[in-house]
Amino acid sequence: MKFKAITLILACTMLSACQTANHVEVIAGEQTITPLHQNGEREGRFNNLYPGKKTYPTTCKSNCYPTSPKLQCEKDSENCQFIGEQQPMNLNTGFSLRWLGHAGFMIRTPNGQQVLLDPVKEQFDSPVDLAFRLASGFYRQPGDWLTDSELKNLDAVMYSHIHYDHFNKADIEEIGNKPRYLTPLGMADNFPTGGFNISEMAWYAKTNIGDLAIHALPAHHFSSRVLVPFIYEDNDKDLWNGWLLEQNGSTLFFAGDTGYSKHFSDIQQKYGDIDVCLMPIASYYSEDNPKWYRYVHTTPEDALTAAQELNCKIMIPWGYGNSSWKMGDRTSHSALLRLLYMHKKMDSKIPLHILNEGESTKL
């Protein structure tokens, strides 16, 4: 009998079959949206609120990437540092943040909660990691990462969607099961096993961590997580979200990966003007399929238009940078050059706050 028990313990250790199951709750119901196709071959798959052909209020058509004295680059807008003078904010929201690179942010709320958005420490999960490197010859330069103290004191980790550049299982295992994980609908089955506390949230669902209100919001994107992208069987079985943090009357919005659509004005109508907007400006460029890339990613001018519709008091862009993957981008900082140019050309009244990877700011 003792031999059988020892054998079982060894088997559990070797096969990880005895790991603690994850706890998963679904937050949906009245006043929320679960955007599923209702019929046809896509029935049961998630959908955008405003699908179909798009028109865009502003499009840069020529001379979109002029050099800027605000960027110090090694060569041809590659490996750059923003050195421009920041505009004064005077917001006093109580939020502070550090940009980890790409879509990753470490947020400290006015009352001290620590929230992590879309962390990806290095490249992709294996084996896509190796395949991408072999196919492209490119390997992402790691961005900033959390200190040991931050890892131990996280209250929540929030993911916008399952794409490899926003969700990495190896990082989840390093972060551990102490914080609460917030995800779009359908995403929990992508987690490793290990006693993780996961809340899947429909669009416009709300939850709280202490006195921090967290709202799951619409985005205009898609999902897939397969070895070969765009395989039908995997597409859109998991939802994609933006997020809104609200505390002490102050708001911070994270758009997630998204194209431009009417959902931005919907959000403003529901929640009012937004204090801090973390907006994507990259991965919109493709000579092979330009309409598709822009359909699911905002150009810098789309991001500025969206920020205007949200009536953001400050816009912090992301997606460019030395630790970006440059998927659908000309260079590491071409998107930022276009943003600086279009901000002036559009006479945008939304103040910009530009960060380099690893930099922090108090808002």
Protein backbone atom coordinates (compact mmCIF):
# COMPACT_ATOMS: atom_id res chain seq x y z
CA MET A 1 0.00 0.00 0.00
CA LYS A 2 2.86 2.36 0.89
CA PHE A 3 4.54 1.52 -2.44
CA LYS A 4 1.37 2.48 -4.35
CA ALA A 5 1.16 5.81 -2.52
CA ILE A 6 4.79 6.63 -3.29
CA THR A 7 4.26 5.67 -6.93
CA LEU A 8 1.21 7.96 -7.16
CA ILE A 9 3.11 10.89 -5.67
CA LEU A 10 5.96 10.39 -8.11
CA ALA A 11 3.54 10.17 -11.03
CA CYS A 12 1.84 13.39 -9.96
CA THR A 13 5.18 15.16 -9.71
CA MET A 14 6.40 13.94 -13.08
CA LEU A 15 3.19 14.53 -15.03
CA SER A 16 1.91 17.59 -13.12
CA ALA A 17 -1.38 15.72 -12.90
CA CYS A 18 -1.95 16.69 -9.29
CA GLN A 19 -1.64 20.45 -9.68
CA THR A 20 -4.37 22.52 -8.09
CA ALA A 21 -7.22 23.22 -10.49
CA ASN A 22 -7.85 26.80 -11.52
CA HIS A 23 -10.88 28.67 -10.18
CA VAL A 24 -12.83 30.27 -13.02
CA GLU A 25 -15.82 32.59 -12.74
CA VAL A 26 -17.74 34.25 -15.57
CA ILE A 27 -18.98 37.81 -15.04
CA ALA A 28 -21.77 38.60 -17.49
CA GLY A 29 -25.53 39.10 -17.40
CA GLU A 30 -27.77 42.17 -17.59
CA GLN A 31 -26.23 45.40 -18.88
CA THR A 32 -23.36 43.45 -20.47
CA ILE A 33 -22.71 42.36 -24.05
CA THR A 34 -21.63 38.90 -25.21
CA PRO A 35 -21.05 39.53 -28.93
CA LEU A 36 -21.58 36.10 -30.50
CA HIS A 37 -22.53 35.30 -34.09
CA GLN A 38 -26.08 33.95 -33.91
CA ASN A 39 -26.23 31.90 -37.09
CA GLY A 40 -24.28 30.75 -40.13
CA GLU A 41 -20.88 29.09 -40.23
CA ARG A 42 -19.54 31.52 -37.58
CA GLU A 43 -22.30 30.74 -35.07
CA GLY A 44 -20.94 30.69 -31.52
CA ARG A 45 -17.81 32.68 -32.45
CA PHE A 46 -17.22 36.16 -31.09
CA ASN A 47 -17.77 39.20 -33.26
CA ASN A 48 -17.05 42.94 -33.25
CA LEU A 49 -19.82 45.41 -32.41
CA TYR A 50 -19.36 47.28 -35.68
CA PRO A 51 -18.15 44.84 -38.36
CA GLY A 52 -17.99 45.54 -42.06
CA LYS A 53 -16.40 48.13 -44.29
CA LYS A 54 -14.81 51.08 -42.49
CA THR A 55 -14.39 54.74 -43.28
CA TYR A 56 -11.80 56.72 -41.35
CA PRO A 57 -12.07 60.43 -40.49
CA THR A 58 -8.37 61.15 -41.14
CA THR A 59 -5.71 59.35 -43.15
CA CYS A 60 -2.11 60.39 -43.68
CA LYS A 61 -1.34 59.86 -47.38
CA SER A 62 2.16 61.24 -47.92
CA ASN A 63 5.24 62.33 -45.99
CA CYS A 64 3.88 60.55 -42.91
CA TYR A 65 7.24 59.81 -41.24
CA PRO A 66 9.33 62.99 -41.11
CA THR A 67 12.26 62.95 -38.72
CA SER A 68 11.83 64.71 -35.40
CA PRO A 69 14.34 66.40 -33.07
CA LYS A 70 12.37 64.80 -30.24
CA LEU A 71 13.71 61.37 -31.19
CA GLN A 72 17.36 60.40 -30.87
CA CYS A 73 17.94 57.31 -33.02
CA GLU A 74 20.92 55.17 -33.95
CA LYS A 75 19.83 54.91 -37.58
CA ASP A 76 16.72 55.40 -39.73
CA SER A 77 14.26 55.64 -36.82
CA GLU A 78 15.60 52.42 -35.28
CA ASN A 79 16.76 52.00 -31.66
CA CYS A 80 15.51 55.38 -30.52
CA GLN A 81 14.94 57.33 -27.33
CA PHE A 82 12.36 60.06 -26.96
CA ILE A 83 14.18 63.16 -25.68
CA GLY A 84 11.48 65.79 -26.22
CA GLU A 85 10.10 67.97 -23.47
CA GLN A 86 6.94 66.56 -21.93
CA GLN A 87 3.82 68.67 -21.71
CA PRO A 88 2.71 69.43 -18.14
CA MET A 89 -0.21 67.25 -17.09
CA ASN A 90 -1.57 68.66 -13.83
CA LEU A 91 -4.09 65.84 -13.62
CA ASN A 92 -3.67 64.66 -10.02
CA THR A 93 -5.50 61.40 -10.73
CA GLY A 94 -3.40 59.44 -8.24
CA PHE A 95 -2.56 56.81 -10.87
CA SER A 96 1.08 56.08 -11.66
CA LEU A 97 2.46 53.67 -14.22
CA ARG A 98 5.57 52.20 -15.78
CA TRP A 99 5.69 51.14 -19.43
CA LEU A 100 7.21 47.67 -19.74
CA GLY A 101 7.24 47.82 -23.54
CA HIS A 102 4.77 46.93 -26.31
CA ALA A 103 1.38 46.69 -24.50
CA GLY A 104 2.71 45.95 -21.01
CA PHE A 105 2.07 48.39 -18.15
CA MET A 106 2.58 48.22 -14.41
CA ILE A 107 -0.13 50.38 -12.81
CA ARG A 108 -0.34 51.69 -9.25
CA THR A 109 -3.82 52.96 -8.40
CA PRO A 110 -4.60 56.02 -6.25
CA ASN A 111 -5.22 53.79 -3.21
CA GLY A 112 -2.19 51.59 -3.75
CA GLN A 113 -3.40 48.52 -5.65
CA GLN A 114 -0.89 47.15 -8.15
CA VAL A 115 -2.27 46.05 -11.51
CA LEU A 116 -0.40 44.50 -14.44
CA LEU A 117 -1.62 44.88 -18.04
CA ASP A 118 -0.68 42.50 -20.90
CA PRO A 119 2.73 41.41 -19.61
CA VAL A 120 5.03 39.61 -22.07
CA LYS A 121 8.57 39.42 -20.75
CA GLU A 122 10.55 38.28 -23.76
CA GLN A 123 9.44 36.72 -27.07
CA PHE A 124 6.53 34.32 -27.62
CA ASP A 125 5.53 31.05 -26.00
CA SER A 126 7.29 28.01 -27.41
CA PRO A 127 7.21 26.63 -30.10
CA VAL A 128 5.95 29.76 -31.88
CA ASP A 129 8.93 31.53 -30.32
CA LEU A 130 11.43 29.39 -32.23
CA ALA A 131 9.36 29.30 -35.43
CA PHE A 132 9.15 33.10 -35.54
CA ARG A 133 12.87 33.43 -35.03
CA LEU A 134 13.71 30.91 -37.74
CA ALA A 135 11.22 32.36 -40.22
CA SER A 136 12.03 36.03 -39.73
CA GLY A 137 15.56 36.05 -38.36
CA PHE A 138 14.28 38.56 -35.81
CA TYR A 139 14.27 38.20 -32.06
CA ARG A 140 12.60 40.76 -29.87
CA GLN A 141 14.76 42.72 -27.47
CA PRO A 142 13.20 42.19 -24.02
CA GLY A 143 11.50 45.19 -22.47
CA ASP A 144 11.37 46.15 -18.82
CA TRP A 145 10.08 43.67 -16.23
CA LEU A 146 8.79 43.56 -12.66
CA THR A 147 10.96 43.60 -9.56
CA ASP A 148 10.70 40.71 -7.10
CA SER A 149 8.76 42.99 -4.75
CA GLU A 150 6.26 43.89 -7.47
CA LEU A 151 5.79 40.23 -8.41
CA LYS A 152 5.00 39.38 -4.79
CA ASN A 153 2.54 42.24 -4.30
CA LEU A 154 0.37 42.21 -7.42
CA ASP A 155 -3.37 42.54 -6.86
CA ALA A 156 -4.50 41.86 -10.42
CA VAL A 157 -3.19 40.82 -13.82
CA MET A 158 -5.35 41.82 -16.79
CA TYR A 159 -5.17 40.52 -20.34
CA SER A 160 -6.79 42.10 -23.39
CA HIS A 161 -6.72 38.98 -25.64
CA ILE A 162 -4.85 35.76 -26.35
CA HIS A 163 -2.46 36.82 -29.13
CA TYR A 164 1.11 35.80 -28.37
CA ASP A 165 2.44 39.34 -28.04
CA HIS A 166 -0.09 40.06 -25.26
CA PHE A 167 -0.37 36.74 -23.39
CA ASN A 168 2.49 34.43 -22.43
CA LYS A 169 1.99 31.30 -20.32
CA ALA A 170 5.58 31.28 -19.07
CA ASP A 171 5.04 34.73 -17.57
CA ILE A 172 1.88 33.54 -15.80
CA GLU A 173 3.82 30.73 -14.17
CA GLU A 174 6.45 33.24 -12.99
CA ILE A 175 3.85 35.70 -11.68
CA GLY A 176 2.10 32.92 -9.78
CA ASN A 177 -1.41 32.41 -8.43
CA LYS A 178 -1.54 35.10 -5.75
CA PRO A 179 -3.08 37.90 -7.88
CA ARG A 180 -6.51 37.76 -9.45
CA TYR A 181 -6.48 37.34 -13.24
CA LEU A 182 -9.05 39.22 -15.34
CA THR A 183 -9.62 38.17 -18.95
CA PRO A 184 -12.10 38.34 -21.82
CA LEU A 185 -14.69 35.59 -22.15
CA GLY A 186 -13.40 32.15 -23.13
CA MET A 187 -9.78 32.84 -22.28
CA ALA A 188 -9.36 30.82 -19.06
CA ASP A 189 -8.76 27.53 -20.85
CA ASN A 190 -5.52 28.98 -22.26
CA PHE A 191 -4.01 29.21 -18.75
CA PRO A 192 -1.66 26.63 -17.30
CA THR A 193 -2.98 24.64 -14.36
CA GLY A 194 -1.85 25.83 -10.95
CA GLY A 195 -4.63 27.23 -8.78
CA PHE A 196 -5.07 30.49 -10.69
CA ASN A 197 -8.06 32.68 -9.80
CA ILE A 198 -9.51 33.77 -13.16
CA SER A 199 -12.48 36.03 -13.89
CA GLU A 200 -13.72 36.03 -17.48
CA MET A 201 -15.68 39.20 -18.24
CA ALA A 202 -18.20 40.16 -20.92
CA TRP A 203 -18.16 43.64 -22.45
CA TYR A 204 -19.43 46.25 -19.97
CA ALA A 205 -19.16 43.79 -17.08
CA LYS A 206 -17.83 45.25 -13.82
CA THR A 207 -15.94 43.82 -10.87
CA ASN A 208 -14.08 45.22 -7.88
CA ILE A 209 -10.78 44.61 -6.17
CA GLY A 210 -11.26 46.45 -2.89
CA ASP A 211 -12.46 49.91 -3.87
CA LEU A 212 -10.95 49.67 -7.38
CA ALA A 213 -13.69 49.29 -10.01
CA ILE A 214 -12.66 47.41 -13.15
CA HIS A 215 -14.80 47.53 -16.29
CA ALA A 216 -14.35 45.21 -19.29
CA LEU A 217 -14.94 47.21 -22.46
CA PRO A 218 -15.33 46.53 -26.18
CA ALA A 219 -12.42 46.55 -28.62
CA HIS A 220 -12.42 46.01 -32.40
CA HIS A 221 -10.08 43.09 -33.03
CA PHE A 222 -10.01 39.28 -33.35
CA SER A 223 -8.42 36.28 -31.64
CA SER A 224 -6.42 33.22 -32.62
CA ARG A 225 -3.68 31.25 -30.93
CA VAL A 226 -2.44 28.55 -33.25
CA LEU A 227 0.83 27.49 -34.85
CA VAL A 228 -0.42 28.66 -38.23
CA PRO A 229 -2.28 32.00 -37.91
CA PHE A 230 -5.81 32.49 -39.21
CA ILE A 231 -6.81 28.81 -39.09
CA TYR A 232 -10.61 28.92 -39.03
CA GLU A 233 -11.14 26.36 -36.26
CA ASP A 234 -9.37 28.54 -33.70
CA ASN A 235 -10.40 32.02 -34.80
CA ASP A 236 -12.51 34.10 -32.43
CA LYS A 237 -13.39 31.41 -29.90
CA ASP A 238 -12.11 33.80 -27.20
CA LEU A 239 -13.18 37.43 -26.83
CA TRP A 240 -10.99 40.58 -26.86
CA ASN A 241 -11.35 43.47 -24.40
CA GLY A 242 -10.32 46.96 -23.49
CA TRP A 243 -10.25 47.88 -19.78
CA LEU A 244 -11.24 50.82 -17.60
CA LEU A 245 -9.90 51.33 -14.07
CA GLU A 246 -11.89 53.67 -11.84
CA GLN A 247 -11.02 54.85 -8.34
CA ASN A 248 -11.63 58.03 -6.31
CA GLY A 249 -13.38 59.58 -9.29
CA SER A 250 -10.35 59.10 -11.60
CA THR A 251 -10.29 56.87 -14.68
CA LEU A 252 -7.60 55.08 -16.68
CA PHE A 253 -8.48 53.42 -20.00
CA PHE A 254 -6.44 50.71 -21.76
CA ALA A 255 -7.71 50.18 -25.30
CA GLY A 256 -6.09 46.79 -25.97
CA ASP A 257 -5.34 45.86 -29.56
CA THR A 258 -8.10 47.49 -31.58
CA GLY A 259 -9.04 49.09 -34.84
CA TYR A 260 -11.04 52.30 -35.02
CA SER A 261 -14.81 51.97 -34.72
CA LYS A 262 -17.84 53.53 -33.07
CA HIS A 263 -17.12 51.65 -29.83
CA PHE A 264 -14.90 54.52 -28.67
CA SER A 265 -17.75 57.04 -28.70
CA ASP A 266 -19.98 54.40 -27.05
CA ILE A 267 -17.52 54.15 -24.17
CA GLN A 268 -17.43 57.92 -23.70
CA GLN A 269 -21.22 58.11 -23.68
CA LYS A 270 -21.41 55.41 -21.01
CA TYR A 271 -18.54 56.47 -18.71
CA GLY A 272 -17.96 60.13 -19.50
CA ASP A 273 -14.65 61.79 -20.28
CA ILE A 274 -11.56 59.69 -19.55
CA ASP A 275 -8.59 61.00 -17.56
CA VAL A 276 -5.77 58.78 -18.86
CA CYS A 277 -5.91 56.87 -22.17
CA LEU A 278 -3.34 54.19 -23.03
CA MET A 279 -3.71 53.97 -26.81
CA PRO A 280 -2.13 51.62 -29.41
CA ILE A 281 -0.51 53.31 -32.42
CA ALA A 282 1.38 50.48 -34.17
CA SER A 283 1.02 47.30 -36.27
CA TYR A 284 -1.25 49.00 -38.83
CA TYR A 285 1.09 48.96 -41.85
CA SER A 286 1.26 46.23 -44.47
CA GLU A 287 2.01 46.44 -48.18
CA ASP A 288 0.39 43.04 -48.73
CA ASN A 289 -2.87 43.62 -46.87
CA PRO A 290 -3.16 47.25 -45.74
CA LYS A 291 -6.95 47.25 -45.24
CA TRP A 292 -6.84 44.24 -42.90
CA TYR A 293 -4.03 45.59 -40.72
CA ARG A 294 -5.79 48.92 -40.23
CA TYR A 295 -9.14 47.20 -39.70
CA VAL A 296 -7.85 45.63 -36.47
CA HIS A 297 -5.13 48.14 -35.43
CA THR A 298 -5.36 51.91 -35.07
CA THR A 299 -3.04 54.10 -37.08
CA PRO A 300 -1.60 57.02 -35.08
CA GLU A 301 -4.26 59.29 -36.57
CA ASP A 302 -6.99 56.77 -35.71
CA ALA A 303 -5.71 56.71 -32.12
CA LEU A 304 -5.82 60.51 -31.99
CA THR A 305 -9.39 60.49 -33.33
CA ALA A 306 -10.39 57.88 -30.76
CA ALA A 307 -8.76 59.89 -27.96
CA GLN A 308 -10.75 62.90 -29.06
CA GLU A 309 -13.98 60.88 -29.00
CA LEU A 310 -13.11 59.60 -25.53
CA ASN A 311 -12.24 63.19 -24.54
CA CYS A 312 -9.01 61.97 -22.94
CA LYS A 313 -7.23 64.43 -20.68
CA ILE A 314 -3.91 62.78 -21.57
CA MET A 315 -2.97 60.13 -24.15
CA ILE A 316 -0.05 57.74 -23.62
CA PRO A 317 0.77 55.78 -26.80
CA TRP A 318 2.13 52.23 -26.93
CA GLY A 319 3.06 49.54 -29.44
CA TYR A 320 6.19 51.19 -30.88
CA GLY A 321 9.62 50.92 -29.30
CA ASN A 322 12.92 49.11 -29.02
CA SER A 323 11.20 46.10 -27.46
CA SER A 324 8.39 45.92 -30.01
CA TRP A 325 8.04 43.07 -32.49
CA LYS A 326 7.65 45.50 -35.42
CA MET A 327 4.77 43.42 -36.79
CA GLY A 328 3.17 45.60 -39.43
CA ASP A 329 5.56 48.49 -38.78
CA ARG A 330 8.32 50.01 -40.90
CA THR A 331 10.77 50.50 -38.02
CA SER A 332 10.83 50.40 -34.25
CA HIS A 333 9.75 54.07 -34.01
CA SER A 334 8.02 54.85 -37.30
CA ALA A 335 4.62 54.78 -35.59
CA LEU A 336 5.78 57.36 -33.04
CA LEU A 337 7.16 59.61 -35.79
CA ARG A 338 3.79 59.43 -37.54
CA LEU A 339 1.98 60.20 -34.28
CA LEU A 340 4.09 63.30 -33.62
CA TYR A 341 3.53 64.48 -37.19
CA MET A 342 -0.23 63.83 -37.24
CA HIS A 343 -0.77 65.29 -33.77
CA LYS A 344 0.46 68.60 -35.14
CA LYS A 345 -1.20 68.28 -38.56
CA MET A 346 -4.59 67.43 -37.02
CA ASP A 347 -4.16 70.24 -34.48
CA SER A 348 -5.10 67.72 -31.79
CA LYS A 349 -5.95 69.23 -28.41
CA ILE A 350 -5.27 65.93 -26.61
CA PRO A 351 -1.93 66.24 -24.76
CA LEU A 352 0.55 63.44 -25.44
CA HIS A 353 2.87 61.90 -22.86
CA ILE A 354 5.57 59.86 -24.59
CA LEU A 355 7.46 57.14 -22.73
CA ASN A 356 10.54 55.05 -23.43
CA GLU A 357 10.46 51.45 -22.25
CA GLY A 358 11.05 51.22 -18.51
CA GLU A 359 10.06 54.82 -17.78
CA SER A 360 7.54 55.71 -15.09
CA THR A 361 5.19 58.62 -14.68
CA LYS A 362 2.74 59.89 -12.08
CA LEU A 363 -0.50 61.12 -13.54
